[in-house]
Amino acid sequence: MDDPIRTVLDSVLDSVLDRALADDPGRILGVYLIGSSTMTGLGPESDIDLLLLTRKSLIVEERRSPVSLLLGLSGWKGHAEDFPDVAGRRPFEATSLVADTLDPLKLGNQL
């Protein structure tokens, strides 16, 4: 049986990946799904957490396209009466990191 949450998640992630790969902000090394969706599964109130790993820091112009896309796909259940068209969508949270600024040995001590 198809999982409706997984189907929606796959569709949204396909849109995000298509845009990210086409625009290549910061010379992308990877786009990762993180958070509860990968740890415990999406719950009824879960957001979708993404990590964008890049070779260089994103400049303002490079941030516009992914932010615009995520805002267009993101939902907000908190005020369904004021924003009914987005109430059924999951919110997105995105983090961007530059690979060269990460030190795996230091990060390992914090985990």
Protein backbone atom coordinates (compact mmCIF):
# COMPACT_ATOMS: atom_id res chain seq x y z
CA MET A 1 0.00 0.00 0.00
CA ASP A 2 1.30 3.49 -0.84
CA ASP A 3 2.17 5.77 2.07
CA PRO A 4 0.48 9.16 1.38
CA ILE A 5 2.97 11.06 3.56
CA ARG A 6 5.90 9.48 1.72
CA THR A 7 4.30 10.26 -1.66
CA VAL A 8 3.90 13.94 -0.75
CA LEU A 9 7.40 14.08 0.72
CA ASP A 10 8.91 12.52 -2.42
CA SER A 11 7.07 15.00 -4.64
CA VAL A 12 8.19 18.01 -2.60
CA LEU A 13 11.79 16.79 -2.41
CA ASP A 14 11.84 16.21 -6.17
CA SER A 15 10.85 19.86 -6.69
CA VAL A 16 13.51 21.07 -4.27
CA LEU A 17 16.24 18.89 -5.81
CA ASP A 18 15.31 19.88 -9.37
CA ARG A 19 15.59 23.58 -8.52
CA ALA A 20 18.74 23.16 -6.44
CA LEU A 21 20.54 21.21 -9.14
CA ALA A 22 19.45 23.62 -11.89
CA ASP A 23 20.51 26.75 -9.97
CA ASP A 24 23.48 25.17 -8.12
CA PRO A 25 23.69 27.83 -5.39
CA GLY A 26 27.08 27.76 -3.68
CA ARG A 27 28.22 24.86 -5.87
CA ILE A 28 26.16 22.20 -4.13
CA LEU A 29 27.81 19.08 -2.73
CA GLY A 30 24.61 17.59 -1.35
CA VAL A 31 21.03 18.13 -0.22
CA TYR A 32 20.08 16.01 2.78
CA LEU A 33 16.83 15.20 4.50
CA ILE A 34 17.44 15.45 8.26
CA GLY A 35 15.41 15.65 11.45
CA SER A 36 12.41 13.66 12.58
CA SER A 37 11.54 12.47 9.08
CA THR A 38 14.73 10.41 9.09
CA MET A 39 14.88 9.54 12.79
CA THR A 40 11.37 8.67 13.95
CA GLY A 41 9.26 9.33 10.87
CA LEU A 42 7.04 12.28 10.11
CA GLY A 43 4.44 12.88 12.76
CA PRO A 44 1.23 14.85 12.24
CA GLU A 45 2.91 18.13 13.25
CA SER A 46 6.41 17.45 11.87
CA ASP A 47 8.16 19.89 9.61
CA ILE A 48 10.53 18.87 6.83
CA ASP A 49 14.17 19.62 7.62
CA LEU A 50 16.73 19.98 4.84
CA LEU A 51 20.49 20.47 4.94
CA LEU A 52 22.22 22.04 1.95
CA LEU A 53 25.98 21.38 1.88
CA THR A 54 27.89 23.71 -0.45
CA ARG A 55 31.45 24.42 -1.54
CA LYS A 56 31.13 28.17 -0.92
CA SER A 57 28.97 30.49 1.11
CA LEU A 58 25.72 31.54 -0.53
CA ILE A 59 25.46 35.15 -1.61
CA VAL A 60 22.11 36.94 -1.39
CA GLU A 61 21.22 36.24 -5.01
CA GLU A 62 21.92 32.52 -4.55
CA ARG A 63 19.64 32.36 -1.50
CA ARG A 64 16.65 33.87 -3.27
CA SER A 65 15.75 30.92 -5.50
CA PRO A 66 15.80 28.13 -2.87
CA VAL A 67 14.10 30.35 -0.28
CA SER A 68 11.39 31.31 -2.76
CA LEU A 69 10.82 27.68 -3.69
CA LEU A 70 10.66 26.52 -0.07
CA LEU A 71 8.28 29.31 0.90
CA GLY A 72 6.03 28.32 -2.00
CA LEU A 73 5.98 24.68 -0.88
CA SER A 74 5.93 25.28 2.87
CA GLY A 75 2.82 25.22 5.00
CA TRP A 76 1.63 26.88 8.14
CA LYS A 77 -1.04 25.22 10.25
CA GLY A 78 -1.00 27.83 13.03
CA HIS A 79 -3.44 30.18 11.32
CA ALA A 80 -5.48 27.94 9.05
CA GLU A 81 -8.42 30.31 9.07
CA ASP A 82 -6.27 33.16 7.71
CA PHE A 83 -4.16 31.05 5.34
CA PRO A 84 -6.34 28.08 4.30
CA ASP A 85 -4.40 27.35 1.09
CA VAL A 86 -1.22 26.46 3.03
CA ALA A 87 -2.76 24.89 6.14
CA GLY A 88 -2.53 21.36 4.71
CA ARG A 89 1.16 21.59 3.83
CA ARG A 90 4.12 20.80 6.04
CA PRO A 91 6.47 23.61 7.06
CA PHE A 92 10.06 23.53 5.84
CA GLU A 93 13.21 24.29 7.75
CA ALA A 94 16.45 24.60 5.79
CA THR A 95 20.05 24.90 6.91
CA SER A 96 22.99 25.69 4.64
CA LEU A 97 26.58 24.79 5.57
CA VAL A 98 29.85 25.31 3.73
CA ALA A 99 31.83 22.05 3.66
CA ASP A 100 35.27 23.65 4.10
CA THR A 101 34.18 25.25 7.38
CA LEU A 102 33.30 21.92 8.99
CA ASP A 103 35.82 20.10 11.10
CA PRO A 104 34.69 16.48 11.52
CA LEU A 105 36.88 15.90 14.57
CA LYS A 106 35.38 18.88 16.42
CA LEU A 107 31.85 17.98 15.33
CA GLY A 108 32.33 14.42 16.54
CA ASN A 109 32.98 15.65 20.07
CA GLN A 110 29.72 17.61 20.08
CA LEU A 111 27.49 14.73 18.99
